[in-house]
C-alpha atoms as a PDB file:
ATOM      1  CA  MET A   1     -61.273 -35.311  12.180  1.00  0.00           C
ATOM      2  CA  ASN A   2     -59.676 -32.444  10.252  1.00  0.00           C
ATOM      3  CA  LEU A   3     -59.112 -30.582  13.503  1.00  0.00           C
ATOM      4  CA  ILE A   4     -57.267 -33.544  14.982  1.00  0.00           C
ATOM      5  CA  TYR A   5     -55.170 -33.872  11.801  1.00  0.00           C
ATOM      6  CA  ILE A   6     -54.317 -30.160  11.786  1.00  0.00           C
ATOM      7  CA  GLY A   7     -53.472 -30.311  15.485  1.00  0.00           C
ATOM      8  CA  PHE A   8     -51.321 -33.409  14.998  1.00  0.00           C
ATOM      9  CA  TYR A   9     -49.610 -31.855  11.922  1.00  0.00           C
ATOM     10  CA  SER A  10     -48.863 -28.623  13.778  1.00  0.00           C
ATOM     11  CA  TRP A  11     -47.595 -30.543  16.788  1.00  0.00           C
ATOM     12  CA  ALA A  12     -45.454 -32.842  14.580  1.00  0.00           C
ATOM     13  CA  THR A  13     -44.066 -29.860  12.662  1.00  0.00           C
ATOM     14  CA  TYR A  14     -43.227 -28.103  15.904  1.00  0.00           C
ATOM     15  CA  LEU A  15     -41.699 -31.234  17.374  1.00  0.00           C
ATOM     16  CA  GLY A  16     -39.784 -31.912  14.164  1.00  0.00           C
ATOM     17  CA  SER A  17     -38.330 -28.422  14.079  1.00  0.00           C
ATOM     18  CA  ARG A  18     -37.401 -28.677  17.771  1.00  0.00           C
ATOM     19  CA  LEU A  19     -35.889 -32.087  17.142  1.00  0.00           C
ATOM     20  CA  LYS A  20     -33.829 -30.685  14.257  1.00  0.00           C
ATOM     21  CA  ILE A  21     -32.640 -27.851  16.455  1.00  0.00           C
ATOM     22  CA  VAL A  22     -31.770 -30.217  19.296  1.00  0.00           C
ATOM     23  CA  LEU A  23     -29.923 -32.648  17.017  1.00  0.00           C
ATOM     24  CA  LEU A  24     -28.350 -30.282  14.504  1.00  0.00           C
ATOM     25  CA  TYR A  25     -27.565 -27.210  16.616  1.00  0.00           C
ATOM     26  CA  PRO A  26     -24.505 -28.753  18.325  1.00  0.00           C
ATOM     27  CA  LEU A  27     -23.107 -29.730  14.921  1.00  0.00           C
ATOM     28  CA  TYR A  28     -23.912 -26.285  13.548  1.00  0.00           C
ATOM     29  CA  LYS A  29     -22.293 -24.665  16.571  1.00  0.00           C
ATOM     30  CA  ILE A  30     -19.113 -26.757  16.201  1.00  0.00           C
ATOM     31  CA  PHE A  31     -18.968 -26.056  12.456  1.00  0.00           C
ATOM     32  CA  MET A  32     -19.538 -22.335  12.902  1.00  0.00           C
ATOM     33  CA  ARG A  33     -16.984 -22.120  15.686  1.00  0.00           C
ATOM     34  CA  LYS A  34     -14.357 -23.714  13.429  1.00  0.00           C
ATOM     35  CA  TYR A  35     -15.491 -21.662  10.440  1.00  0.00           C
ATOM     36  CA  VAL A  36     -15.396 -18.381  12.363  1.00  0.00           C
ATOM     37  CA  ARG A  37     -12.017 -19.317  13.840  1.00  0.00           C
ATOM     38  CA  LEU A  38     -10.662 -20.075  10.352  1.00  0.00           C
ATOM     39  CA  ILE A  39     -11.988 -16.789   8.959  1.00  0.00           C
ATOM     40  CA  SER A  40     -10.573 -14.887  11.944  1.00  0.00           C
ATOM     41  CA  ILE A  41      -7.147 -16.479  11.564  1.00  0.00           C
ATOM     42  CA  THR A  42      -7.173 -15.784   7.825  1.00  0.00           C
ATOM     43  CA  LEU A  43      -8.147 -12.121   8.301  1.00  0.00           C
ATOM     44  CA  VAL A  44      -5.595 -11.548  11.055  1.00  0.00           C
ATOM     45  CA  THR A  45      -2.873 -13.138   8.913  1.00  0.00           C
ATOM     46  CA  LEU A  46      -3.869 -11.054   5.895  1.00  0.00           C
ATOM     47  CA  LEU A  47      -4.006  -7.786   7.841  1.00  0.00           C
ATOM     48  CA  TYR A  48      -0.685  -8.520   9.530  1.00  0.00           C
ATOM     49  CA  SER A  49       1.012  -9.291   6.225  1.00  0.00           C
ATOM     50  CA  LEU A  50      -0.375  -6.101   4.669  1.00  0.00           C
ATOM     51  CA  SER A  51       0.764  -3.987   7.594  1.00  0.00           C
ATOM     52  CA  VAL A  52       4.231  -5.558   7.586  1.00  0.00           C
ATOM     53  CA  THR A  53       4.490  -5.043   3.823  1.00  0.00           C
ATOM     54  CA  ASN A  54       3.476  -1.381   4.084  1.00  0.00           C
ATOM     55  CA  CYS A  55       5.700  -0.668   7.091  1.00  0.00           C
ATOM     56  CA  LYS A  56       8.777  -2.408   5.770  1.00  0.00           C
ATOM     57  CA  ASP A  57      11.104  -0.721   3.358  1.00  0.00           C
ATOM     58  CA  ASN A  58      11.698  -2.525   0.093  1.00  0.00           C
ATOM     59  CA  ASN A  59      15.201  -3.768   0.919  1.00  0.00           C
ATOM     60  CA  GLN A  60      15.884  -4.920  -2.629  1.00  0.00           C
ATOM     61  CA  LEU A  61      16.111  -1.333  -3.872  1.00  0.00           C
ATOM     62  CA  PRO A  62      17.690   1.765  -2.371  1.00  0.00           C
ATOM     63  CA  ASP A  63      15.565   4.570  -0.970  1.00  0.00           C
ATOM     64  CA  PRO A  64      15.900   8.062  -2.550  1.00  0.00           C
ATOM     65  CA  LEU A  65      18.816   9.070  -0.314  1.00  0.00           C
ATOM     66  CA  GLU A  66      20.766   5.860  -0.949  1.00  0.00           C
ATOM     67  CA  ALA A  67      20.132   5.930  -4.702  1.00  0.00           C
ATOM     68  CA  GLY A  68      22.388   8.094  -6.788  1.00  0.00           C
ATOM     69  CA  TRP A  69      23.612   8.455 -10.342  1.00  0.00           C
ATOM     70  CA  ASN A  70      26.867   6.854 -11.527  1.00  0.00           C
ATOM     71  CA  ASN A  71      27.933   6.327  -7.884  1.00  0.00           C
ATOM     72  CA  GLU A  72      27.361  10.000  -7.045  1.00  0.00           C
ATOM     73  CA  ALA A  73      24.737  11.172  -4.551  1.00  0.00           C
ATOM     74  CA  VAL A  74      21.948  13.348  -5.934  1.00  0.00           C
ATOM     75  CA  CYS A  75      20.026  13.845  -2.673  1.00  0.00           C
ATOM     76  CA  GLU A  76      21.106  15.296   0.654  1.00  0.00           C
ATOM     77  CA  VAL A  77      19.349  15.370   4.013  1.00  0.00           C
ATOM     78  CA  LEU A  78      18.205  18.861   5.003  1.00  0.00           C
ATOM     79  CA  GLU A  79      16.332  17.784   8.141  1.00  0.00           C
ATOM     80  CA  GLU A  80      15.708  14.495   9.889  1.00  0.00           C
ATOM     81  CA  ASN A  81      13.950  13.895  13.170  1.00  0.00           C
ATOM     82  CA  SER A  82      11.592  11.356  14.717  1.00  0.00           C
ATOM     83  CA  LYS A  83       8.641  12.591  12.633  1.00  0.00           C
ATOM     84  CA  LEU A  84      10.028  13.315   9.158  1.00  0.00           C
ATOM     85  CA  ARG A  85      12.963  13.383   6.794  1.00  0.00           C
ATOM     86  CA  THR A  86      13.455  16.189   4.280  1.00  0.00           C
ATOM     87  CA  LEU A  87      15.665  15.627   1.238  1.00  0.00           C
ATOM     88  CA  LYS A  88      16.927  18.076  -1.351  1.00  0.00           C
ATOM     89  CA  CYS A  89      17.561  16.313  -4.666  1.00  0.00           C
ATOM     90  CA  THR A  90      19.464  18.070  -7.460  1.00  0.00           C
ATOM     91  CA  PHE A  91      19.532  16.871 -11.073  1.00  0.00           C
ATOM     92  CA  PRO A  92      21.705  18.761 -13.582  1.00  0.00           C
ATOM     93  CA  PRO A  93      20.943  18.084 -17.271  1.00  0.00           C
ATOM     94  CA  GLY A  94      21.905  14.501 -18.173  1.00  0.00           C
ATOM     95  CA  VAL A  95      21.821  13.365 -14.532  1.00  0.00           C
ATOM     96  CA  GLY A  96      19.188  11.049 -13.154  1.00  0.00           C
ATOM     97  CA  HIS A  97      18.275   8.921 -10.199  1.00  0.00           C
ATOM     98  CA  GLU A  98      18.905   5.181 -10.410  1.00  0.00           C
ATOM     99  CA  ARG A  99      16.062   2.748  -9.772  1.00  0.00           C
ATOM    100  CA  HIS A 100      14.756   3.249  -6.224  1.00  0.00           C
ATOM    101  CA  TYR A 101      11.574   3.122  -4.182  1.00  0.00           C
ATOM    102  CA  HIS A 102       9.707   5.713  -2.120  1.00  0.00           C
ATOM    103  CA  ARG A 103       7.660   5.428   1.022  1.00  0.00           C
ATOM    104  CA  ALA A 104       4.799   7.901   1.352  1.00  0.00           C
ATOM    105  CA  HIS A 105       6.119  11.378   0.586  1.00  0.00           C
ATOM    106  CA  TYR A 106       5.275  14.942  -0.383  1.00  0.00           C
ATOM    107  CA  GLY A 107       7.375  16.665  -3.028  1.00  0.00           C
ATOM    108  CA  TYR A 108       7.898  20.235  -4.132  1.00  0.00           C
ATOM    109  CA  THR A 109       9.733  21.358  -7.279  1.00  0.00           C
ATOM    110  CA  ILE A 110      12.036  24.290  -6.514  1.00  0.00           C
ATOM    111  CA  VAL A 111      13.335  24.375 -10.108  1.00  0.00           C
ATOM    112  CA  GLY A 112      11.669  22.298 -12.816  1.00  0.00           C
ATOM    113  CA  SER A 113      12.911  20.591 -15.969  1.00  0.00           C
ATOM    114  CA  LYS A 114      11.973  17.860 -18.442  1.00  0.00           C
ATOM    115  CA  PHE A 115      12.373  14.257 -17.270  1.00  0.00           C
ATOM    116  CA  LYS A 116      12.322  10.785 -18.730  1.00  0.00           C
ATOM    117  CA  ILE A 117      10.603   8.564 -16.162  1.00  0.00           C
ATOM    118  CA  LYS A 118      10.609   4.781 -16.169  1.00  0.00           C
ATOM    119  CA  ASP A 119       8.338   2.920 -13.721  1.00  0.00           C
ATOM    120  CA  THR A 120       5.734   0.162 -13.505  1.00  0.00           C
ATOM    121  CA  ALA A 121       3.559   2.082 -16.007  1.00  0.00           C
ATOM    122  CA  GLY A 122       6.308   2.194 -18.643  1.00  0.00           C
ATOM    123  CA  VAL A 123       8.511   4.989 -19.996  1.00  0.00           C
ATOM    124  CA  ARG A 124       7.360   8.564 -20.544  1.00  0.00           C
ATOM    125  CA  GLU A 125       8.682  12.109 -20.828  1.00  0.00           C
ATOM    126  CA  VAL A 126       7.269  14.672 -18.430  1.00  0.00           C
ATOM    127  CA  ASN A 127       7.727  18.426 -18.087  1.00  0.00           C
ATOM    128  CA  VAL A 128       7.880  19.144 -14.362  1.00  0.00           C
ATOM    129  CA  PRO A 129       7.266  22.876 -13.855  1.00  0.00           C
ATOM    130  CA  THR A 130       8.815  25.025 -11.144  1.00  0.00           C
ATOM    131  CA  GLY A 131       6.471  25.255  -8.155  1.00  0.00           C
ATOM    132  CA  TYR A 132       4.802  21.908  -8.852  1.00  0.00           C
ATOM    133  CA  SER A 133       3.885  19.917  -5.746  1.00  0.00           C
ATOM    134  CA  PHE A 134       2.826  16.293  -5.450  1.00  0.00           C
ATOM    135  CA  TYR A 135       2.011  13.536  -2.976  1.00  0.00           C
ATOM    136  CA  ASN A 136       2.556   9.811  -3.443  1.00  0.00           C
ATOM    137  CA  ASN A 137       1.380   7.200  -0.996  1.00  0.00           C
ATOM    138  CA  LYS A 138       4.129   4.863  -2.161  1.00  0.00           C
ATOM    139  CA  ILE A 139       6.181   4.211  -5.288  1.00  0.00           C
ATOM    140  CA  GLU A 140       7.310   0.612  -5.805  1.00  0.00           C
ATOM    141  CA  TRP A 141      10.154   1.742  -8.031  1.00  0.00           C
ATOM    142  CA  HIS A 142      11.100   4.309 -10.624  1.00  0.00           C
ATOM    143  CA  GLU A 143      14.104   5.736 -12.452  1.00  0.00           C
ATOM    144  CA  VAL A 144      14.367   9.323 -13.644  1.00  0.00           C
ATOM    145  CA  LEU A 145      16.692  11.182 -16.007  1.00  0.00           C
ATOM    146  CA  ASN A 146      16.812  14.937 -16.509  1.00  0.00           C
ATOM    147  CA  ILE A 147      16.570  15.377 -20.297  1.00  0.00           C
ATOM    148  CA  GLY A 148      15.925  19.105 -20.057  1.00  0.00           C
ATOM    149  CA  ASP A 149      18.433  21.963 -20.192  1.00  0.00           C
ATOM    150  CA  THR A 150      18.034  23.285 -16.623  1.00  0.00           C
ATOM    151  CA  THR A 151      19.201  21.895 -13.298  1.00  0.00           C
ATOM    152  CA  ALA A 152      16.121  20.588 -11.486  1.00  0.00           C
ATOM    153  CA  ILE A 153      15.836  20.767  -7.698  1.00  0.00           C
ATOM    154  CA  PHE A 154      13.228  18.962  -5.584  1.00  0.00           C
ATOM    155  CA  LEU A 155      12.338  18.825  -1.909  1.00  0.00           C
ATOM    156  CA  ILE A 156      11.106  15.410  -0.778  1.00  0.00           C
ATOM    157  CA  ILE A 157       9.403  15.263   2.629  1.00  0.00           C
ATOM    158  CA  GLU A 158       8.861  11.798   4.072  1.00  0.00           C
ATOM    159  CA  PRO A 159       6.803  11.302   7.223  1.00  0.00           C
ATOM    160  CA  LYS A 160       8.085   8.559   9.514  1.00  0.00           C
END
């Protein structure tokens, strides 16, 4: 009797699981198809918006070349081609650079000085030494003012 019960139980369990698969699998498949489609659309939208944001210039602020100080240019183009743009920016004492943004860039300090820098982190004073080099992936915005007593000169190299 136990053998018949065990056999019947095993057969019923097997049949029940097969029945669940037969009845529920189409619903599961439809749900997953919609779910995967929704996730895919969301990821594609997110990645597209991030790439557009990173590739677009921040049009609300000038770039380093467009920005100046009291309507006077502080940067000049030394070289521009399809791969990069090189700027030379000169800041005599008391001269700064109005609020602007930067795309990814490499910088080199030809002549250093002391600067007051205002950006998303706040306001600080920084001694930038001659020969100092730096790389920034992106700067949302900043303003600088030469508060030192020497004319500072920077090279800014921006890949395109």
